[in-house]
């Protein structure tokens, strides 16, 4: 994953999240989330709301790396852990 937006798109796909649900959880309009999905930029405040919902993805969202020992994982790791 190259960018935070790329990782955000992977996260919403892996978690099966729809934009109306994200609007309910964050208070940010679904229309704005659709704009982010179109790769037109993500604001820091939007990133912060995503991290508040999924704190386990905070490090991965911002860096693209994981620290499993600290509970900082990616959606792929979470899915692999569910399969075990």
PDB file of N, CA and C in Angstrom:
ATOM      1  N   UNK A   1       0.835  -1.178   0.000  1.00  0.00           N
ATOM      2  CA  UNK A   1       0.000   0.000   0.000  1.00  0.00           C
ATOM      3  C   UNK A   1       0.882   1.244   0.000  1.00  0.00           C
ATOM      4  N   UNK A   2       0.605   2.121  -0.889  1.00  0.00           N
ATOM      5  CA  UNK A   2       1.458   3.291  -1.031  1.00  0.00           C
ATOM      6  C   UNK A   2       1.019   4.477  -0.205  1.00  0.00           C
ATOM      7  N   UNK A   3      -0.266   4.697  -0.061  1.00  0.00           N
ATOM      8  CA  UNK A   3      -0.712   5.907   0.628  1.00  0.00           C
ATOM      9  C   UNK A   3      -1.714   5.589   1.727  1.00  0.00           C
ATOM     10  N   UNK A   4      -1.944   6.569   2.558  1.00  0.00           N
ATOM     11  CA  UNK A   4      -2.941   6.431   3.615  1.00  0.00           C
ATOM     12  C   UNK A   4      -4.311   6.168   3.005  1.00  0.00           C
ATOM     13  N   UNK A   5      -4.629   6.847   1.921  1.00  0.00           N
ATOM     14  CA  UNK A   5      -5.927   6.636   1.272  1.00  0.00           C
ATOM     15  C   UNK A   5      -6.032   5.208   0.750  1.00  0.00           C
ATOM     16  N   UNK A   6      -4.956   4.678   0.162  1.00  0.00           N
ATOM     17  CA  UNK A   6      -4.960   3.277  -0.286  1.00  0.00           C
ATOM     18  C   UNK A   6      -5.257   2.341   0.887  1.00  0.00           C
ATOM     19  N   UNK A   7      -4.605   2.605   2.013  1.00  0.00           N
ATOM     20  CA  UNK A   7      -4.817   1.755   3.186  1.00  0.00           C
ATOM     21  C   UNK A   7      -6.234   1.932   3.744  1.00  0.00           C
ATOM     22  N   UNK A   8      -6.741   3.159   3.721  1.00  0.00           N
ATOM     23  CA  UNK A   8      -8.125   3.399   4.142  1.00  0.00           C
ATOM     24  C   UNK A   8      -9.089   2.593   3.273  1.00  0.00           C
ATOM     25  N   UNK A   9      -8.877   2.588   1.973  1.00  0.00           N
ATOM     26  CA  UNK A   9      -9.756   1.835   1.070  1.00  0.00           C
ATOM     27  C   UNK A   9      -9.695   0.340   1.341  1.00  0.00           C
ATOM     28  N   UNK A  10      -8.512  -0.162   1.628  1.00  0.00           N
ATOM     29  CA  UNK A  10      -8.378  -1.577   1.994  1.00  0.00           C
ATOM     30  C   UNK A  10      -9.116  -1.862   3.292  1.00  0.00           C
ATOM     31  N   UNK A  11      -8.986  -0.966   4.252  1.00  0.00           N
ATOM     32  CA  UNK A  11      -9.645  -1.139   5.552  1.00  0.00           C
ATOM     33  C   UNK A  11     -11.160  -1.197   5.399  1.00  0.00           C
ATOM     34  N   UNK A  12     -11.760  -0.241   4.687  1.00  0.00           N
ATOM     35  CA  UNK A  12     -13.222  -0.230   4.569  1.00  0.00           C
ATOM     36  C   UNK A  12     -13.711  -1.445   3.797  1.00  0.00           C
ATOM     37  N   UNK A  13     -12.926  -1.898   2.839  1.00  0.00           N
ATOM     38  CA  UNK A  13     -13.287  -3.113   2.110  1.00  0.00           C
ATOM     39  C   UNK A  13     -13.216  -4.338   3.022  1.00  0.00           C
ATOM     40  N   UNK A  14     -12.114  -4.478   3.740  1.00  0.00           N
ATOM     41  CA  UNK A  14     -11.919  -5.629   4.628  1.00  0.00           C
ATOM     42  C   UNK A  14     -12.950  -5.672   5.754  1.00  0.00           C
ATOM     43  N   UNK A  15     -13.337  -4.515   6.256  1.00  0.00           N
ATOM     44  CA  UNK A  15     -14.308  -4.452   7.353  1.00  0.00           C
ATOM     45  C   UNK A  15     -15.747  -4.448   6.842  1.00  0.00           C
ATOM     46  N   UNK A  16     -15.931  -4.382   5.529  1.00  0.00           N
ATOM     47  CA  UNK A  16     -17.268  -4.392   4.948  1.00  0.00           C
ATOM     48  C   UNK A  16     -18.075  -3.137   5.276  1.00  0.00           C
ATOM     49  N   UNK A  17     -17.377  -2.012   5.356  1.00  0.00           N
ATOM     50  CA  UNK A  17     -17.988  -0.753   5.786  1.00  0.00           C
ATOM     51  C   UNK A  17     -18.594  -0.018   4.589  1.00  0.00           C
ATOM     52  N   UNK A  18     -19.787   0.505   4.797  1.00  0.00           N
ATOM     53  CA  UNK A  18     -20.447   1.359   3.817  1.00  0.00           C
ATOM     54  C   UNK A  18     -20.376   2.794   4.310  1.00  0.00           C
ATOM     55  N   UNK A  19     -20.415   3.719   3.384  1.00  0.00           N
ATOM     56  CA  UNK A  19     -20.243   5.130   3.739  1.00  0.00           C
ATOM     57  C   UNK A  19     -21.347   5.671   4.666  1.00  0.00           C
ATOM     58  N   UNK A  20     -22.617   5.264   4.524  1.00  0.00           N
ATOM     59  CA  UNK A  20     -23.618   5.742   5.495  1.00  0.00           C
ATOM     60  C   UNK A  20     -23.290   5.312   6.933  1.00  0.00           C
ATOM     61  N   UNK A  21     -22.783   4.101   7.110  1.00  0.00           N
ATOM     62  CA  UNK A  21     -22.394   3.634   8.442  1.00  0.00           C
ATOM     63  C   UNK A  21     -21.239   4.480   8.963  1.00  0.00           C
ATOM     64  N   UNK A  22     -20.278   4.756   8.086  1.00  0.00           N
ATOM     65  CA  UNK A  22     -19.132   5.558   8.485  1.00  0.00           C
ATOM     66  C   UNK A  22     -19.570   6.976   8.866  1.00  0.00           C
ATOM     67  N   UNK A  23     -20.540   7.502   8.159  1.00  0.00           N
ATOM     68  CA  UNK A  23     -21.080   8.816   8.514  1.00  0.00           C
ATOM     69  C   UNK A  23     -21.684   8.785   9.917  1.00  0.00           C
ATOM     70  N   UNK A  24     -22.449   7.758  10.211  1.00  0.00           N
ATOM     71  CA  UNK A  24     -23.053   7.622  11.548  1.00  0.00           C
ATOM     72  C   UNK A  24     -21.992   7.560  12.636  1.00  0.00           C
ATOM     73  N   UNK A  25     -20.925   6.845  12.385  1.00  0.00           N
ATOM     74  CA  UNK A  25     -19.881   6.638  13.386  1.00  0.00           C
ATOM     75  C   UNK A  25     -18.991   7.854  13.589  1.00  0.00           C
ATOM     76  N   UNK A  26     -18.797   8.639  12.513  1.00  0.00           N
ATOM     77  CA  UNK A  26     -17.818   9.714  12.568  1.00  0.00           C
ATOM     78  C   UNK A  26     -18.410  11.120  12.587  1.00  0.00           C
ATOM     79  N   UNK A  27     -19.648  11.244  12.124  1.00  0.00           N
ATOM     80  CA  UNK A  27     -20.241  12.568  12.002  1.00  0.00           C
ATOM     81  C   UNK A  27     -19.783  13.299  10.745  1.00  0.00           C
ATOM     82  N   UNK A  28     -18.990  12.627   9.931  1.00  0.00           N
ATOM     83  CA  UNK A  28     -18.529  13.188   8.659  1.00  0.00           C
ATOM     84  C   UNK A  28     -19.456  12.644   7.575  1.00  0.00           C
ATOM     85  N   UNK A  29     -19.977  13.534   6.748  1.00  0.00           N
ATOM     86  CA  UNK A  29     -20.973  13.150   5.751  1.00  0.00           C
ATOM     87  C   UNK A  29     -20.475  12.045   4.821  1.00  0.00           C
ATOM     88  N   UNK A  30     -21.394  11.145   4.485  1.00  0.00           N
ATOM     89  CA  UNK A  30     -21.072  10.054   3.565  1.00  0.00           C
ATOM     90  C   UNK A  30     -20.541  10.598   2.244  1.00  0.00           C
ATOM     91  N   UNK A  31     -21.063  11.731   1.818  1.00  0.00           N
ATOM     92  CA  UNK A  31     -20.592  12.358   0.577  1.00  0.00           C
ATOM     93  C   UNK A  31     -19.091  12.642   0.651  1.00  0.00           C
ATOM     94  N   UNK A  32     -18.628  13.095   1.800  1.00  0.00           N
ATOM     95  CA  UNK A  32     -17.203  13.378   1.970  1.00  0.00           C
ATOM     96  C   UNK A  32     -16.405  12.080   1.921  1.00  0.00           C
ATOM     97  N   UNK A  33     -16.921  11.025   2.555  1.00  0.00           N
ATOM     98  CA  UNK A  33     -16.220   9.743   2.510  1.00  0.00           C
ATOM     99  C   UNK A  33     -16.145   9.216   1.078  1.00  0.00           C
ATOM    100  N   UNK A  34     -17.189   9.450   0.289  1.00  0.00           N
ATOM    101  CA  UNK A  34     -17.143   9.053  -1.125  1.00  0.00           C
ATOM    102  C   UNK A  34     -16.053   9.825  -1.860  1.00  0.00           C
ATOM    103  N   UNK A  35     -15.870  11.084  -1.503  1.00  0.00           N
ATOM    104  CA  UNK A  35     -14.802  11.892  -2.095  1.00  0.00           C
ATOM    105  C   UNK A  35     -13.437  11.288  -1.753  1.00  0.00           C
ATOM    106  N   UNK A  36     -13.263  10.856  -0.512  1.00  0.00           N
ATOM    107  CA  UNK A  36     -12.009  10.201  -0.113  1.00  0.00           C
ATOM    108  C   UNK A  36     -11.831   8.911  -0.904  1.00  0.00           C
ATOM    109  N   UNK A  37     -12.918   8.155  -1.074  1.00  0.00           N
ATOM    110  CA  UNK A  37     -12.842   6.908  -1.845  1.00  0.00           C
ATOM    111  C   UNK A  37     -12.410   7.152  -3.281  1.00  0.00           C
ATOM    112  N   UNK A  38     -12.711   8.312  -3.803  1.00  0.00           N
ATOM    113  CA  UNK A  38     -12.317   8.662  -5.171  1.00  0.00           C
ATOM    114  C   UNK A  38     -10.883   9.175  -5.229  1.00  0.00           C
ATOM    115  N   UNK A  39     -10.176   9.044  -4.117  1.00  0.00           N
ATOM    116  CA  UNK A  39      -8.760   9.410  -4.007  1.00  0.00           C
ATOM    117  C   UNK A  39      -8.519  10.908  -4.196  1.00  0.00           C
ATOM    118  N   UNK A  40      -9.457  11.711  -3.705  1.00  0.00           N
ATOM    119  CA  UNK A  40      -9.321  13.163  -3.823  1.00  0.00           C
ATOM    120  C   UNK A  40      -8.784  13.787  -2.549  1.00  0.00           C
ATOM    121  N   UNK A  41      -8.142  12.967  -1.719  1.00  0.00           N
ATOM    122  CA  UNK A  41      -7.507  13.477  -0.509  1.00  0.00           C
ATOM    123  C   UNK A  41      -8.256  13.141   0.758  1.00  0.00           C
ATOM    124  N   UNK A  42      -7.479  12.998   1.810  1.00  0.00           N
ATOM    125  CA  UNK A  42      -8.023  12.709   3.136  1.00  0.00           C
ATOM    126  C   UNK A  42      -7.455  13.731   4.101  1.00  0.00           C
ATOM    127  N   UNK A  43      -8.326  14.273   4.921  1.00  0.00           N
ATOM    128  CA  UNK A  43      -7.921  15.269   5.912  1.00  0.00           C
ATOM    129  C   UNK A  43      -7.445  14.570   7.188  1.00  0.00           C
ATOM    130  N   UNK A  44      -6.628  15.267   7.929  1.00  0.00           N
ATOM    131  CA  UNK A  44      -6.139  14.729   9.194  1.00  0.00           C
ATOM    132  C   UNK A  44      -7.297  14.393  10.126  1.00  0.00           C
ATOM    133  N   UNK A  45      -8.298  15.240  10.180  1.00  0.00           N
ATOM    134  CA  UNK A  45      -9.451  14.988  11.061  1.00  0.00           C
ATOM    135  C   UNK A  45     -10.180  13.710  10.667  1.00  0.00           C
ATOM    136  N   UNK A  46     -10.212  13.407   9.387  1.00  0.00           N
ATOM    137  CA  UNK A  46     -10.856  12.164   8.933  1.00  0.00           C
ATOM    138  C   UNK A  46     -10.026  10.954   9.347  1.00  0.00           C
ATOM    139  N   UNK A  47      -8.732  11.057   9.199  1.00  0.00           N
ATOM    140  CA  UNK A  47      -7.845   9.981   9.641  1.00  0.00           C
ATOM    141  C   UNK A  47      -8.008   9.742  11.139  1.00  0.00           C
ATOM    142  N   UNK A  48      -8.094  10.814  11.903  1.00  0.00           N
ATOM    143  CA  UNK A  48      -8.256  10.685  13.352  1.00  0.00           C
ATOM    144  C   UNK A  48      -9.554   9.972  13.715  1.00  0.00           C
ATOM    145  N   UNK A  49     -10.629  10.226  12.964  1.00  0.00           N
ATOM    146  CA  UNK A  49     -11.899   9.543  13.271  1.00  0.00           C
ATOM    147  C   UNK A  49     -11.812   8.057  12.943  1.00  0.00           C
ATOM    148  N   UNK A  50     -11.099   7.712  11.886  1.00  0.00           N
ATOM    149  CA  UNK A  50     -10.923   6.298  11.538  1.00  0.00           C
ATOM    150  C   UNK A  50     -10.106   5.597  12.618  1.00  0.00           C
ATOM    151  N   UNK A  51      -9.065   6.241  13.091  1.00  0.00           N
ATOM    152  CA  UNK A  51      -8.235   5.666  14.153  1.00  0.00           C
ATOM    153  C   UNK A  51      -9.039   5.503  15.438  1.00  0.00           C
ATOM    154  N   UNK A  52      -9.974   6.416  15.710  1.00  0.00           N
ATOM    155  CA  UNK A  52     -10.812   6.281  16.905  1.00  0.00           C
ATOM    156  C   UNK A  52     -11.711   5.046  16.812  1.00  0.00           C
ATOM    157  N   UNK A  53     -12.150   4.700  15.615  1.00  0.00           N
ATOM    158  CA  UNK A  53     -13.004   3.515  15.423  1.00  0.00           C
ATOM    159  C   UNK A  53     -12.168   2.237  15.467  1.00  0.00           C
ATOM    160  N   UNK A  54     -11.026   2.261  14.807  1.00  0.00           N
ATOM    161  CA  UNK A  54     -10.155   1.086  14.716  1.00  0.00           C
ATOM    162  C   UNK A  54      -8.762   1.421  15.229  1.00  0.00           C
ATOM    163  N   UNK A  55      -8.566   1.541  16.519  1.00  0.00           N
ATOM    164  CA  UNK A  55      -7.239   1.911  17.047  1.00  0.00           C
ATOM    165  C   UNK A  55      -6.159   0.878  16.719  1.00  0.00           C
ATOM    166  N   UNK A  56      -6.565  -0.361  16.492  1.00  0.00           N
ATOM    167  CA  UNK A  56      -5.578  -1.396  16.173  1.00  0.00           C
ATOM    168  C   UNK A  56      -4.911  -1.173  14.813  1.00  0.00           C
ATOM    169  N   UNK A  57      -5.499  -0.319  13.984  1.00  0.00           N
ATOM    170  CA  UNK A  57      -4.933  -0.030  12.667  1.00  0.00           C
ATOM    171  C   UNK A  57      -4.179   1.301  12.611  1.00  0.00           C
ATOM    172  N   UNK A  58      -4.058   1.997  13.709  1.00  0.00           N
ATOM    173  CA  UNK A  58      -3.480   3.344  13.709  1.00  0.00           C
ATOM    174  C   UNK A  58      -2.089   3.387  13.086  1.00  0.00           C
ATOM    175  N   UNK A  59      -1.200   2.553  13.554  1.00  0.00           N
ATOM    176  CA  UNK A  59       0.177   2.573  13.046  1.00  0.00           C
ATOM    177  C   UNK A  59       0.220   2.155  11.583  1.00  0.00           C
ATOM    178  N   UNK A  60      -0.502   1.119  11.254  1.00  0.00           N
ATOM    179  CA  UNK A  60      -0.533   0.627   9.879  1.00  0.00           C
ATOM    180  C   UNK A  60      -1.113   1.687   8.926  1.00  0.00           C
ATOM    181  N   UNK A  61      -2.191   2.347   9.340  1.00  0.00           N
ATOM    182  CA  UNK A  61      -2.778   3.389   8.497  1.00  0.00           C
ATOM    183  C   UNK A  61      -1.789   4.499   8.194  1.00  0.00           C
ATOM    184  N   UNK A  62      -1.035   4.897   9.184  1.00  0.00           N
ATOM    185  CA  UNK A  62      -0.145   6.043   9.001  1.00  0.00           C
ATOM    186  C   UNK A  62       1.205   5.688   8.386  1.00  0.00           C
ATOM    187  N   UNK A  63       1.664   4.449   8.573  1.00  0.00           N
ATOM    188  CA  UNK A  63       3.001   4.093   8.081  1.00  0.00           C
ATOM    189  C   UNK A  63       3.021   2.959   7.068  1.00  0.00           C
ATOM    190  N   UNK A  64       1.989   2.137   7.070  1.00  0.00           N
ATOM    191  CA  UNK A  64       1.984   0.958   6.213  1.00  0.00           C
ATOM    192  C   UNK A  64       2.675  -0.232   6.853  1.00  0.00           C
ATOM    193  N   UNK A  65       3.136  -0.071   8.077  1.00  0.00           N
ATOM    194  CA  UNK A  65       3.830  -1.143   8.791  1.00  0.00           C
ATOM    195  C   UNK A  65       3.002  -1.607   9.979  1.00  0.00           C
ATOM    196  N   UNK A  66       3.341  -2.763  10.480  1.00  0.00           N
ATOM    197  CA  UNK A  66       2.643  -3.334  11.634  1.00  0.00           C
ATOM    198  C   UNK A  66       3.607  -3.543  12.796  1.00  0.00           C
ATOM    199  N   UNK A  67       3.037  -3.551  14.005  1.00  0.00           N
ATOM    200  CA  UNK A  67       3.765  -3.935  15.217  1.00  0.00           C
ATOM    201  C   UNK A  67       2.828  -4.885  15.972  1.00  0.00           C
ATOM    202  N   UNK A  68       2.760  -6.133  15.554  1.00  0.00           N
ATOM    203  CA  UNK A  68       1.815  -7.076  16.155  1.00  0.00           C
ATOM    204  C   UNK A  68       1.960  -7.213  17.669  1.00  0.00           C
ATOM    205  N   UNK A  69       3.195  -7.159  18.167  1.00  0.00           N
ATOM    206  CA  UNK A  69       3.404  -7.296  19.612  1.00  0.00           C
ATOM    207  C   UNK A  69       2.761  -6.161  20.402  1.00  0.00           C
ATOM    208  N   UNK A  70       2.549  -5.027  19.734  1.00  0.00           N
ATOM    209  CA  UNK A  70       1.909  -3.877  20.374  1.00  0.00           C
ATOM    210  C   UNK A  70       0.429  -3.781  20.012  1.00  0.00           C
ATOM    211  N   UNK A  71      -0.079  -4.800  19.296  1.00  0.00           N
ATOM    212  CA  UNK A  71      -1.485  -4.787  18.907  1.00  0.00           C
ATOM    213  C   UNK A  71      -1.780  -3.924  17.704  1.00  0.00           C
ATOM    214  N   UNK A  72      -0.731  -3.475  17.011  1.00  0.00           N
ATOM    215  CA  UNK A  72      -0.901  -2.639  15.823  1.00  0.00           C
ATOM    216  C   UNK A  72      -0.770  -3.509  14.577  1.00  0.00           C
ATOM    217  N   UNK A  73      -1.925  -3.777  13.961  1.00  0.00           N
ATOM    218  CA  UNK A  73      -1.997  -4.724  12.860  1.00  0.00           C
ATOM    219  C   UNK A  73      -2.669  -4.096  11.644  1.00  0.00           C
ATOM    220  N   UNK A  74      -2.715  -4.873  10.575  1.00  0.00           N
ATOM    221  CA  UNK A  74      -3.425  -4.480   9.363  1.00  0.00           C
ATOM    222  C   UNK A  74      -4.704  -5.316   9.274  1.00  0.00           C
ATOM    223  N   UNK A  75      -5.626  -4.919   8.412  1.00  0.00           N
ATOM    224  CA  UNK A  75      -6.828  -5.745   8.234  1.00  0.00           C
ATOM    225  C   UNK A  75      -6.495  -7.157   7.760  1.00  0.00           C
ATOM    226  N   UNK A  76      -5.454  -7.298   6.953  1.00  0.00           N
ATOM    227  CA  UNK A  76      -5.054  -8.634   6.492  1.00  0.00           C
ATOM    228  C   UNK A  76      -4.634  -9.519   7.652  1.00  0.00           C
ATOM    229  N   UNK A  77      -3.881  -8.971   8.573  1.00  0.00           N
ATOM    230  CA  UNK A  77      -3.467  -9.728   9.759  1.00  0.00           C
ATOM    231  C   UNK A  77      -4.681 -10.080  10.616  1.00  0.00           C
ATOM    232  N   UNK A  78      -5.599  -9.142  10.763  1.00  0.00           N
ATOM    233  CA  UNK A  78      -6.808  -9.404  11.552  1.00  0.00           C
ATOM    234  C   UNK A  78      -7.608 -10.553  10.928  1.00  0.00           C
ATOM    235  N   UNK A  79      -7.734 -10.551   9.607  1.00  0.00           N
ATOM    236  CA  UNK A  79      -8.461 -11.625   8.935  1.00  0.00           C
ATOM    237  C   UNK A  79      -7.744 -12.964   9.114  1.00  0.00           C
ATOM    238  N   UNK A  80      -6.425 -12.956   9.035  1.00  0.00           N
ATOM    239  CA  UNK A  80      -5.647 -14.197   9.237  1.00  0.00           C
ATOM    240  C   UNK A  80      -5.832 -14.716  10.656  1.00  0.00           C
ATOM    241  N   UNK A  81      -5.870 -13.811  11.634  1.00  0.00           N
ATOM    242  CA  UNK A  81      -6.054 -14.214  13.023  1.00  0.00           C
ATOM    243  C   UNK A  81      -7.439 -14.802  13.240  1.00  0.00           C
ATOM    244  N   UNK A  82      -8.435 -14.307  12.540  1.00  0.00           N
ATOM    245  CA  UNK A  82      -9.800 -14.838  12.657  1.00  0.00           C
ATOM    246  C   UNK A  82      -9.886 -16.264  12.131  1.00  0.00           C
ATOM    247  N   UNK A  83      -9.073 -16.559  11.101  1.00  0.00           N
ATOM    248  CA  UNK A  83      -9.094 -17.889  10.490  1.00  0.00           C
ATOM    249  C   UNK A  83      -8.454 -18.950  11.378  1.00  0.00           C
ATOM    250  N   UNK A  84      -7.613 -18.537  12.299  1.00  0.00           N
ATOM    251  CA  UNK A  84      -6.914 -19.508  13.171  1.00  0.00           C
ATOM    252  C   UNK A  84      -7.807 -20.093  14.214  1.00  0.00           C
TER     253      UNK A  84
END
